[in-house]
Amino acid sequence: MYESKMKSEATDHLFKSVLSLETLEECYRFFDDLCTYSEILAMTQRYQVAEELHEGRTFSQISEELGVSSTTITRVNRCLNYGSGGYQTVLERTRKKE
């Protein structure tokens, strides 16, 4: 089992709550209540960057297309290459569904 530095009973409870969401609208409602607009935007941008890197786009292409900083792209790239595999899991699963 994967052990994370953020692992706690409270975090388990939060993640189980997220897993209970069944529709896109439920996700919007929950995250609208849970997070600020800026937090959602930051997570959305990071995921978009991960998708673009996964597709083989360059840092400069991504920065120009999405308007994100090279710092954000570098952070996401590091996670893709040396992280815990979370991006890879989701990217592979969503690609299969398309």
PDB file of N, CA and C in Angstrom:
ATOM      1  N   MET A   1       0.827  -1.180   0.000  1.00  0.00           N
ATOM      2  CA  MET A   1       0.000   0.000   0.000  1.00  0.00           C
ATOM      3  C   MET A   1       0.875   1.248   0.000  1.00  0.00           C
ATOM      4  N   TYR A   2       0.463   2.232  -0.745  1.00  0.00           N
ATOM      5  CA  TYR A   2       1.205   3.489  -0.862  1.00  0.00           C
ATOM      6  C   TYR A   2       1.110   4.283   0.434  1.00  0.00           C
ATOM      7  N   GLU A   3       2.239   4.763   0.896  1.00  0.00           N
ATOM      8  CA  GLU A   3       2.281   5.605   2.097  1.00  0.00           C
ATOM      9  C   GLU A   3       2.658   7.019   1.697  1.00  0.00           C
ATOM     10  N   SER A   4       1.813   7.958   2.033  1.00  0.00           N
ATOM     11  CA  SER A   4       2.033   9.356   1.712  1.00  0.00           C
ATOM     12  C   SER A   4       2.362  10.152   2.962  1.00  0.00           C
ATOM     13  N   LYS A   5       3.119  11.237   2.784  1.00  0.00           N
ATOM     14  CA  LYS A   5       3.425  12.107   3.902  1.00  0.00           C
ATOM     15  C   LYS A   5       2.184  12.834   4.410  1.00  0.00           C
ATOM     16  N   MET A   6       1.132  12.894   3.601  1.00  0.00           N
ATOM     17  CA  MET A   6      -0.100  13.546   4.041  1.00  0.00           C
ATOM     18  C   MET A   6      -1.106  12.556   4.630  1.00  0.00           C
ATOM     19  N   LYS A   7      -0.720  11.298   4.718  1.00  0.00           N
ATOM     20  CA  LYS A   7      -1.604  10.242   5.210  1.00  0.00           C
ATOM     21  C   LYS A   7      -2.038  10.515   6.641  1.00  0.00           C
ATOM     22  N   SER A   8      -3.345  10.508   6.831  1.00  0.00           N
ATOM     23  CA  SER A   8      -3.917  10.644   8.164  1.00  0.00           C
ATOM     24  C   SER A   8      -5.360  10.147   8.101  1.00  0.00           C
ATOM     25  N   GLU A   9      -5.932   9.936   9.245  1.00  0.00           N
ATOM     26  CA  GLU A   9      -7.326   9.508   9.303  1.00  0.00           C
ATOM     27  C   GLU A   9      -8.239  10.568   8.678  1.00  0.00           C
ATOM     28  N   ALA A  10      -7.943  11.829   8.942  1.00  0.00           N
ATOM     29  CA  ALA A  10      -8.753  12.916   8.395  1.00  0.00           C
ATOM     30  C   ALA A  10      -8.652  12.977   6.868  1.00  0.00           C
ATOM     31  N   THR A  11      -7.428  12.789   6.348  1.00  0.00           N
ATOM     32  CA  THR A  11      -7.248  12.802   4.900  1.00  0.00           C
ATOM     33  C   THR A  11      -7.928  11.594   4.261  1.00  0.00           C
ATOM     34  N   ASP A  12      -7.828  10.434   4.903  1.00  0.00           N
ATOM     35  CA  ASP A  12      -8.563   9.254   4.420  1.00  0.00           C
ATOM     36  C   ASP A  12     -10.049   9.565   4.305  1.00  0.00           C
ATOM     37  N   HIS A  13     -10.586  10.217   5.314  1.00  0.00           N
ATOM     38  CA  HIS A  13     -12.011  10.551   5.336  1.00  0.00           C
ATOM     39  C   HIS A  13     -12.359  11.494   4.177  1.00  0.00           C
ATOM     40  N   LEU A  14     -11.517  12.498   3.950  1.00  0.00           N
ATOM     41  CA  LEU A  14     -11.744  13.420   2.830  1.00  0.00           C
ATOM     42  C   LEU A  14     -11.721  12.668   1.505  1.00  0.00           C
ATOM     43  N   PHE A  15     -10.699  11.842   1.283  1.00  0.00           N
ATOM     44  CA  PHE A  15     -10.573  11.129   0.017  1.00  0.00           C
ATOM     45  C   PHE A  15     -11.717  10.140  -0.201  1.00  0.00           C
ATOM     46  N   LYS A  16     -12.157   9.488   0.849  1.00  0.00           N
ATOM     47  CA  LYS A  16     -13.317   8.592   0.730  1.00  0.00           C
ATOM     48  C   LYS A  16     -14.566   9.384   0.373  1.00  0.00           C
ATOM     49  N   SER A  17     -14.670  10.592   0.894  1.00  0.00           N
ATOM     50  CA  SER A  17     -15.797  11.454   0.546  1.00  0.00           C
ATOM     51  C   SER A  17     -15.761  11.814  -0.940  1.00  0.00           C
ATOM     52  N   VAL A  18     -14.568  12.128  -1.455  1.00  0.00           N
ATOM     53  CA  VAL A  18     -14.428  12.427  -2.880  1.00  0.00           C
ATOM     54  C   VAL A  18     -14.818  11.207  -3.716  1.00  0.00           C
ATOM     55  N   LEU A  19     -14.387  10.033  -3.289  1.00  0.00           N
ATOM     56  CA  LEU A  19     -14.720   8.807  -4.020  1.00  0.00           C
ATOM     57  C   LEU A  19     -16.215   8.497  -4.013  1.00  0.00           C
ATOM     58  N   SER A  20     -16.947   9.087  -3.075  1.00  0.00           N
ATOM     59  CA  SER A  20     -18.396   8.848  -3.018  1.00  0.00           C
ATOM     60  C   SER A  20     -19.168   9.671  -4.043  1.00  0.00           C
ATOM     61  N   LEU A  21     -18.537  10.676  -4.630  1.00  0.00           N
ATOM     62  CA  LEU A  21     -19.209  11.516  -5.617  1.00  0.00           C
ATOM     63  C   LEU A  21     -19.509  10.703  -6.868  1.00  0.00           C
ATOM     64  N   GLU A  22     -20.707  10.867  -7.407  1.00  0.00           N
ATOM     65  CA  GLU A  22     -21.122  10.019  -8.521  1.00  0.00           C
ATOM     66  C   GLU A  22     -21.292  10.743  -9.850  1.00  0.00           C
ATOM     67  N   THR A  23     -21.474  12.048  -9.824  1.00  0.00           N
ATOM     68  CA  THR A  23     -21.693  12.769 -11.071  1.00  0.00           C
ATOM     69  C   THR A  23     -20.775  13.984 -11.146  1.00  0.00           C
ATOM     70  N   LEU A  24     -20.644  14.507 -12.353  1.00  0.00           N
ATOM     71  CA  LEU A  24     -19.860  15.712 -12.552  1.00  0.00           C
ATOM     72  C   LEU A  24     -20.464  16.871 -11.767  1.00  0.00           C
ATOM     73  N   GLU A  25     -21.775  16.969 -11.751  1.00  0.00           N
ATOM     74  CA  GLU A  25     -22.427  18.044 -10.991  1.00  0.00           C
ATOM     75  C   GLU A  25     -22.132  17.919  -9.499  1.00  0.00           C
ATOM     76  N   GLU A  26     -22.149  16.704  -8.956  1.00  0.00           N
ATOM     77  CA  GLU A  26     -21.794  16.512  -7.546  1.00  0.00           C
ATOM     78  C   GLU A  26     -20.369  16.976  -7.278  1.00  0.00           C
ATOM     79  N   CYS A  27     -19.458  16.697  -8.210  1.00  0.00           N
ATOM     80  CA  CYS A  27     -18.074  17.146  -8.063  1.00  0.00           C
ATOM     81  C   CYS A  27     -18.006  18.667  -8.042  1.00  0.00           C
ATOM     82  N   TYR A  28     -18.693  19.306  -8.983  1.00  0.00           N
ATOM     83  CA  TYR A  28     -18.702  20.767  -9.003  1.00  0.00           C
ATOM     84  C   TYR A  28     -19.222  21.328  -7.685  1.00  0.00           C
ATOM     85  N   ARG A  29     -20.319  20.789  -7.200  1.00  0.00           N
ATOM     86  CA  ARG A  29     -20.921  21.301  -5.963  1.00  0.00           C
ATOM     87  C   ARG A  29     -19.983  21.108  -4.765  1.00  0.00           C
ATOM     88  N   PHE A  30     -19.403  19.917  -4.655  1.00  0.00           N
ATOM     89  CA  PHE A  30     -18.524  19.623  -3.524  1.00  0.00           C
ATOM     90  C   PHE A  30     -17.276  20.504  -3.551  1.00  0.00           C
ATOM     91  N   PHE A  31     -16.603  20.537  -4.715  1.00  0.00           N
ATOM     92  CA  PHE A  31     -15.373  21.318  -4.792  1.00  0.00           C
ATOM     93  C   PHE A  31     -15.633  22.818  -4.731  1.00  0.00           C
ATOM     94  N   ASP A  32     -16.797  23.262  -5.169  1.00  0.00           N
ATOM     95  CA  ASP A  32     -17.177  24.667  -5.030  1.00  0.00           C
ATOM     96  C   ASP A  32     -17.284  25.042  -3.556  1.00  0.00           C
ATOM     97  N   ASP A  33     -17.807  24.133  -2.758  1.00  0.00           N
ATOM     98  CA  ASP A  33     -17.905  24.375  -1.315  1.00  0.00           C
ATOM     99  C   ASP A  33     -16.554  24.212  -0.618  1.00  0.00           C
ATOM    100  N   LEU A  34     -15.750  23.270  -1.069  1.00  0.00           N
ATOM    101  CA  LEU A  34     -14.505  22.919  -0.393  1.00  0.00           C
ATOM    102  C   LEU A  34     -13.348  23.868  -0.696  1.00  0.00           C
ATOM    103  N   CYS A  35     -13.233  24.297  -1.942  1.00  0.00           N
ATOM    104  CA  CYS A  35     -12.054  25.033  -2.392  1.00  0.00           C
ATOM    105  C   CYS A  35     -12.413  26.429  -2.878  1.00  0.00           C
ATOM    106  N   THR A  36     -11.401  27.288  -2.881  1.00  0.00           N
ATOM    107  CA  THR A  36     -11.580  28.606  -3.484  1.00  0.00           C
ATOM    108  C   THR A  36     -11.458  28.459  -5.003  1.00  0.00           C
ATOM    109  N   TYR A  37     -11.907  29.486  -5.703  1.00  0.00           N
ATOM    110  CA  TYR A  37     -11.784  29.492  -7.160  1.00  0.00           C
ATOM    111  C   TYR A  37     -10.308  29.365  -7.558  1.00  0.00           C
ATOM    112  N   SER A  38      -9.428  30.074  -6.862  1.00  0.00           N
ATOM    113  CA  SER A  38      -7.990  30.035  -7.175  1.00  0.00           C
ATOM    114  C   SER A  38      -7.407  28.643  -6.982  1.00  0.00           C
ATOM    115  N   GLU A  39      -7.842  27.935  -5.949  1.00  0.00           N
ATOM    116  CA  GLU A  39      -7.353  26.568  -5.711  1.00  0.00           C
ATOM    117  C   GLU A  39      -7.795  25.629  -6.831  1.00  0.00           C
ATOM    118  N   ILE A  40      -9.042  25.749  -7.242  1.00  0.00           N
ATOM    119  CA  ILE A  40      -9.554  24.917  -8.343  1.00  0.00           C
ATOM    120  C   ILE A  40      -8.807  25.248  -9.633  1.00  0.00           C
ATOM    121  N   LEU A  41      -8.617  26.538  -9.893  1.00  0.00           N
ATOM    122  CA  LEU A  41      -7.895  26.955 -11.097  1.00  0.00           C
ATOM    123  C   LEU A  41      -6.479  26.390 -11.102  1.00  0.00           C
ATOM    124  N   ALA A  42      -5.792  26.450  -9.970  1.00  0.00           N
ATOM    125  CA  ALA A  42      -4.422  25.923  -9.882  1.00  0.00           C
ATOM    126  C   ALA A  42      -4.395  24.422 -10.155  1.00  0.00           C
ATOM    127  N   MET A  43      -5.323  23.674  -9.566  1.00  0.00           N
ATOM    128  CA  MET A  43      -5.369  22.219  -9.804  1.00  0.00           C
ATOM    129  C   MET A  43      -5.717  21.919 -11.252  1.00  0.00           C
ATOM    130  N   THR A  44      -6.641  22.687 -11.820  1.00  0.00           N
ATOM    131  CA  THR A  44      -7.032  22.496 -13.218  1.00  0.00           C
ATOM    132  C   THR A  44      -5.846  22.739 -14.141  1.00  0.00           C
ATOM    133  N   GLN A  45      -5.102  23.818 -13.889  1.00  0.00           N
ATOM    134  CA  GLN A  45      -3.935  24.116 -14.719  1.00  0.00           C
ATOM    135  C   GLN A  45      -2.881  23.025 -14.607  1.00  0.00           C
ATOM    136  N   ARG A  46      -2.627  22.544 -13.406  1.00  0.00           N
ATOM    137  CA  ARG A  46      -1.629  21.477 -13.235  1.00  0.00           C
ATOM    138  C   ARG A  46      -2.034  20.228 -14.006  1.00  0.00           C
ATOM    139  N   TYR A  47      -3.314  19.897 -13.949  1.00  0.00           N
ATOM    140  CA  TYR A  47      -3.761  18.705 -14.671  1.00  0.00           C
ATOM    141  C   TYR A  47      -3.662  18.917 -16.181  1.00  0.00           C
ATOM    142  N   GLN A  48      -4.008  20.114 -16.651  1.00  0.00           N
ATOM    143  CA  GLN A  48      -3.860  20.408 -18.080  1.00  0.00           C
ATOM    144  C   GLN A  48      -2.398  20.279 -18.504  1.00  0.00           C
ATOM    145  N   VAL A  49      -1.496  20.776 -17.687  1.00  0.00           N
ATOM    146  CA  VAL A  49      -0.065  20.668 -17.973  1.00  0.00           C
ATOM    147  C   VAL A  49       0.336  19.192 -18.040  1.00  0.00           C
ATOM    148  N   ALA A  50      -0.140  18.396 -17.099  1.00  0.00           N
ATOM    149  CA  ALA A  50       0.180  16.958 -17.104  1.00  0.00           C
ATOM    150  C   ALA A  50      -0.305  16.306 -18.391  1.00  0.00           C
ATOM    151  N   GLU A  51      -1.504  16.645 -18.821  1.00  0.00           N
ATOM    152  CA  GLU A  51      -2.030  16.088 -20.075  1.00  0.00           C
ATOM    153  C   GLU A  51      -1.145  16.477 -21.261  1.00  0.00           C
ATOM    154  N   GLU A  52      -0.761  17.751 -21.299  1.00  0.00           N
ATOM    155  CA  GLU A  52       0.061  18.239 -22.405  1.00  0.00           C
ATOM    156  C   GLU A  52       1.447  17.584 -22.412  1.00  0.00           C
ATOM    157  N   LEU A  53       2.068  17.477 -21.250  1.00  0.00           N
ATOM    158  CA  LEU A  53       3.370  16.804 -21.165  1.00  0.00           C
ATOM    159  C   LEU A  53       3.245  15.340 -21.572  1.00  0.00           C
ATOM    160  N   HIS A  54       2.176  14.697 -21.128  1.00  0.00           N
ATOM    161  CA  HIS A  54       1.928  13.296 -21.462  1.00  0.00           C
ATOM    162  C   HIS A  54       1.786  13.108 -22.977  1.00  0.00           C
ATOM    163  N   GLU A  55       1.270  14.126 -23.640  1.00  0.00           N
ATOM    164  CA  GLU A  55       1.097  14.082 -25.099  1.00  0.00           C
ATOM    165  C   GLU A  55       2.379  14.447 -25.846  1.00  0.00           C
ATOM    166  N   GLY A  56       3.429  14.848 -25.096  1.00  0.00           N
ATOM    167  CA  GLY A  56       4.711  15.112 -25.720  1.00  0.00           C
ATOM    168  C   GLY A  56       4.964  16.565 -26.088  1.00  0.00           C
ATOM    169  N   ARG A  57       4.147  17.467 -25.621  1.00  0.00           N
ATOM    170  CA  ARG A  57       4.350  18.878 -25.923  1.00  0.00           C
ATOM    171  C   ARG A  57       5.535  19.430 -25.125  1.00  0.00           C
ATOM    172  N   THR A  58       6.165  20.458 -25.676  1.00  0.00           N
ATOM    173  CA  THR A  58       7.329  21.062 -25.029  1.00  0.00           C
ATOM    174  C   THR A  58       6.884  22.079 -23.976  1.00  0.00           C
ATOM    175  N   PHE A  59       7.825  22.439 -23.103  1.00  0.00           N
ATOM    176  CA  PHE A  59       7.552  23.442 -22.072  1.00  0.00           C
ATOM    177  C   PHE A  59       7.066  24.743 -22.704  1.00  0.00           C
ATOM    178  N   SER A  60       7.747  25.183 -23.770  1.00  0.00           N
ATOM    179  CA  SER A  60       7.376  26.461 -24.389  1.00  0.00           C
ATOM    180  C   SER A  60       6.005  26.386 -25.052  1.00  0.00           C
ATOM    181  N   GLN A  61       5.676  25.278 -25.680  1.00  0.00           N
ATOM    182  CA  GLN A  61       4.346  25.117 -26.271  1.00  0.00           C
ATOM    183  C   GLN A  61       3.262  25.188 -25.199  1.00  0.00           C
ATOM    184  N   ILE A  62       3.506  24.517 -24.077  1.00  0.00           N
ATOM    185  CA  ILE A  62       2.535  24.483 -22.989  1.00  0.00           C
ATOM    186  C   ILE A  62       2.381  25.868 -22.363  1.00  0.00           C
ATOM    187  N   SER A  63       3.490  26.531 -22.129  1.00  0.00           N
ATOM    188  CA  SER A  63       3.450  27.863 -21.528  1.00  0.00           C
ATOM    189  C   SER A  63       2.671  28.825 -22.409  1.00  0.00           C
ATOM    190  N   GLU A  64       2.936  28.771 -23.701  1.00  0.00           N
ATOM    191  CA  GLU A  64       2.250  29.661 -24.639  1.00  0.00           C
ATOM    192  C   GLU A  64       0.756  29.325 -24.735  1.00  0.00           C
ATOM    193  N   GLU A  65       0.444  28.041 -24.843  1.00  0.00           N
ATOM    194  CA  GLU A  65      -0.946  27.609 -25.025  1.00  0.00           C
ATOM    195  C   GLU A  65      -1.798  27.830 -23.778  1.00  0.00           C
ATOM    196  N   LEU A  66      -1.255  27.490 -22.612  1.00  0.00           N
ATOM    197  CA  LEU A  66      -2.051  27.549 -21.385  1.00  0.00           C
ATOM    198  C   LEU A  66      -1.792  28.798 -20.545  1.00  0.00           C
ATOM    199  N   GLY A  67      -0.708  29.500 -20.838  1.00  0.00           N
ATOM    200  CA  GLY A  67      -0.394  30.692 -20.077  1.00  0.00           C
ATOM    201  C   GLY A  67       0.075  30.400 -18.659  1.00  0.00           C
ATOM    202  N   VAL A  68       0.711  29.252 -18.465  1.00  0.00           N
ATOM    203  CA  VAL A  68       1.215  28.889 -17.139  1.00  0.00           C
ATOM    204  C   VAL A  68       2.721  29.135 -17.085  1.00  0.00           C
ATOM    205  N   SER A  69       3.220  29.304 -15.887  1.00  0.00           N
ATOM    206  CA  SER A  69       4.641  29.585 -15.705  1.00  0.00           C
ATOM    207  C   SER A  69       5.488  28.333 -15.914  1.00  0.00           C
ATOM    208  N   SER A  70       6.765  28.574 -16.200  1.00  0.00           N
ATOM    209  CA  SER A  70       7.691  27.448 -16.351  1.00  0.00           C
ATOM    210  C   SER A  70       7.853  26.722 -15.013  1.00  0.00           C
ATOM    211  N   THR A  71       7.668  27.438 -13.906  1.00  0.00           N
ATOM    212  CA  THR A  71       7.752  26.815 -12.576  1.00  0.00           C
ATOM    213  C   THR A  71       6.664  25.760 -12.418  1.00  0.00           C
ATOM    214  N   THR A  72       5.452  26.085 -12.840  1.00  0.00           N
ATOM    215  CA  THR A  72       4.341  25.124 -12.763  1.00  0.00           C
ATOM    216  C   THR A  72       4.611  23.920 -13.649  1.00  0.00           C
ATOM    217  N   ILE A  73       5.075  24.177 -14.854  1.00  0.00           N
ATOM    218  CA  ILE A  73       5.355  23.081 -15.793  1.00  0.00           C
ATOM    219  C   ILE A  73       6.457  22.183 -15.238  1.00  0.00           C
ATOM    220  N   THR A  74       7.495  22.780 -14.681  1.00  0.00           N
ATOM    221  CA  THR A  74       8.595  22.012 -14.094  1.00  0.00           C
ATOM    222  C   THR A  74       8.110  21.153 -12.937  1.00  0.00           C
ATOM    223  N   ARG A  75       7.266  21.726 -12.085  1.00  0.00           N
ATOM    224  CA  ARG A  75       6.735  20.985 -10.935  1.00  0.00           C
ATOM    225  C   ARG A  75       5.927  19.765 -11.395  1.00  0.00           C
ATOM    226  N   VAL A  76       5.054  19.982 -12.369  1.00  0.00           N
ATOM    227  CA  VAL A  76       4.234  18.877 -12.871  1.00  0.00           C
ATOM    228  C   VAL A  76       5.102  17.834 -13.561  1.00  0.00           C
ATOM    229  N   ASN A  77       6.077  18.290 -14.334  1.00  0.00           N
ATOM    230  CA  ASN A  77       6.977  17.363 -15.016  1.00  0.00           C
ATOM    231  C   ASN A  77       7.748  16.501 -14.016  1.00  0.00           C
ATOM    232  N   ARG A  78       8.196  17.115 -12.921  1.00  0.00           N
ATOM    233  CA  ARG A  78       8.895  16.364 -11.872  1.00  0.00           C
ATOM    234  C   ARG A  78       7.980  15.293 -11.287  1.00  0.00           C
ATOM    235  N   CYS A  79       6.724  15.653 -11.047  1.00  0.00           N
ATOM    236  CA  CYS A  79       5.769  14.673 -10.512  1.00  0.00           C
ATOM    237  C   CYS A  79       5.508  13.543 -11.501  1.00  0.00           C
ATOM    238  N   LEU A  80       5.411  13.886 -12.777  1.00  0.00           N
ATOM    239  CA  LEU A  80       5.206  12.852 -13.790  1.00  0.00           C
ATOM    240  C   LEU A  80       6.375  11.879 -13.846  1.00  0.00           C
ATOM    241  N   ASN A  81       7.581  12.399 -13.705  1.00  0.00           N
ATOM    242  CA  ASN A  81       8.775  11.565 -13.837  1.00  0.00           C
ATOM    243  C   ASN A  81       9.236  10.905 -12.543  1.00  0.00           C
ATOM    244  N   TYR A  82       9.028  11.582 -11.421  1.00  0.00           N
ATOM    245  CA  TYR A  82       9.583  11.085 -10.160  1.00  0.00           C
ATOM    246  C   TYR A  82       8.562  11.026  -9.030  1.00  0.00           C
ATOM    247  N   GLY A  83       7.303  11.305  -9.325  1.00  0.00           N
ATOM    248  CA  GLY A  83       6.284  11.348  -8.284  1.00  0.00           C
ATOM    249  C   GLY A  83       5.764   9.976  -7.907  1.00  0.00           C
ATOM    250  N   SER A  84       4.616   9.966  -7.310  1.00  0.00           N
ATOM    251  CA  SER A  84       4.033   8.726  -6.786  1.00  0.00           C
ATOM    252  C   SER A  84       3.160   7.993  -7.796  1.00  0.00           C
ATOM    253  N   GLY A  85       3.054   8.504  -9.026  1.00  0.00           N
ATOM    254  CA  GLY A  85       2.302   7.807 -10.073  1.00  0.00           C
ATOM    255  C   GLY A  85       0.838   8.198 -10.172  1.00  0.00           C
ATOM    256  N   GLY A  86       0.433   9.175  -9.403  1.00  0.00           N
ATOM    257  CA  GLY A  86      -0.968   9.590  -9.430  1.00  0.00           C
ATOM    258  C   GLY A  86      -1.416  10.139 -10.771  1.00  0.00           C
ATOM    259  N   TYR A  87      -0.598  11.037 -11.345  1.00  0.00           N
ATOM    260  CA  TYR A  87      -0.946  11.572 -12.662  1.00  0.00           C
ATOM    261  C   TYR A  87      -1.036  10.442 -13.683  1.00  0.00           C
ATOM    262  N   GLN A  88      -0.039   9.560 -13.673  1.00  0.00           N
ATOM    263  CA  GLN A  88      -0.002   8.470 -14.655  1.00  0.00           C
ATOM    264  C   GLN A  88      -1.265   7.612 -14.588  1.00  0.00           C
ATOM    265  N   THR A  89      -1.680   7.279 -13.375  1.00  0.00           N
ATOM    266  CA  THR A  89      -2.880   6.457 -13.203  1.00  0.00           C
ATOM    267  C   THR A  89      -4.092   7.117 -13.833  1.00  0.00           C
ATOM    268  N   VAL A  90      -4.299   8.384 -13.505  1.00  0.00           N
ATOM    269  CA  VAL A  90      -5.480   9.091 -14.010  1.00  0.00           C
ATOM    270  C   VAL A  90      -5.389   9.316 -15.511  1.00  0.00           C
ATOM    271  N   LEU A  91      -4.218   9.698 -16.005  1.00  0.00           N
ATOM    272  CA  LEU A  91      -4.064   9.929 -17.441  1.00  0.00           C
ATOM    273  C   LEU A  91      -4.322   8.656 -18.241  1.00  0.00           C
ATOM    274  N   GLU A  92      -3.832   7.537 -17.762  1.00  0.00           N
ATOM    275  CA  GLU A  92      -4.065   6.268 -18.461  1.00  0.00           C
ATOM    276  C   GLU A  92      -5.531   5.866 -18.416  1.00  0.00           C
ATOM    277  N   ARG A  93      -6.177   6.039 -17.281  1.00  0.00           N
ATOM    278  CA  ARG A  93      -7.585   5.667 -17.158  1.00  0.00           C
ATOM    279  C   ARG A  93      -8.481   6.550 -17.995  1.00  0.00           C
ATOM    280  N   THR A  94      -8.223   7.842 -18.000  1.00  0.00           N
ATOM    281  CA  THR A  94      -9.084   8.736 -18.782  1.00  0.00           C
ATOM    282  C   THR A  94      -8.838   8.550 -20.288  1.00  0.00           C
ATOM    283  N   ARG A  95      -7.623   8.228 -20.647  1.00  0.00           N
ATOM    284  CA  ARG A  95      -7.311   7.982 -22.068  1.00  0.00           C
ATOM    285  C   ARG A  95      -8.064   6.749 -22.575  1.00  0.00           C
ATOM    286  N   LYS A  96      -8.158   5.712 -21.757  1.00  0.00           N
ATOM    287  CA  LYS A  96      -8.857   4.482 -22.123  1.00  0.00           C
ATOM    288  C   LYS A  96     -10.347   4.722 -22.334  1.00  0.00           C
ATOM    289  N   LYS A  97     -10.929   5.661 -21.574  1.00  0.00           N
ATOM    290  CA  LYS A  97     -12.364   5.934 -21.650  1.00  0.00           C
ATOM    291  C   LYS A  97     -12.730   6.768 -22.873  1.00  0.00           C
ATOM    292  N   GLU A  98     -11.745   7.459 -23.459  1.00  0.00           N
ATOM    293  CA  GLU A  98     -12.028   8.342 -24.603  1.00  0.00           C
ATOM    294  C   GLU A  98     -12.172   7.594 -25.889  1.00  0.00           C
TER     295      GLU A  98
END
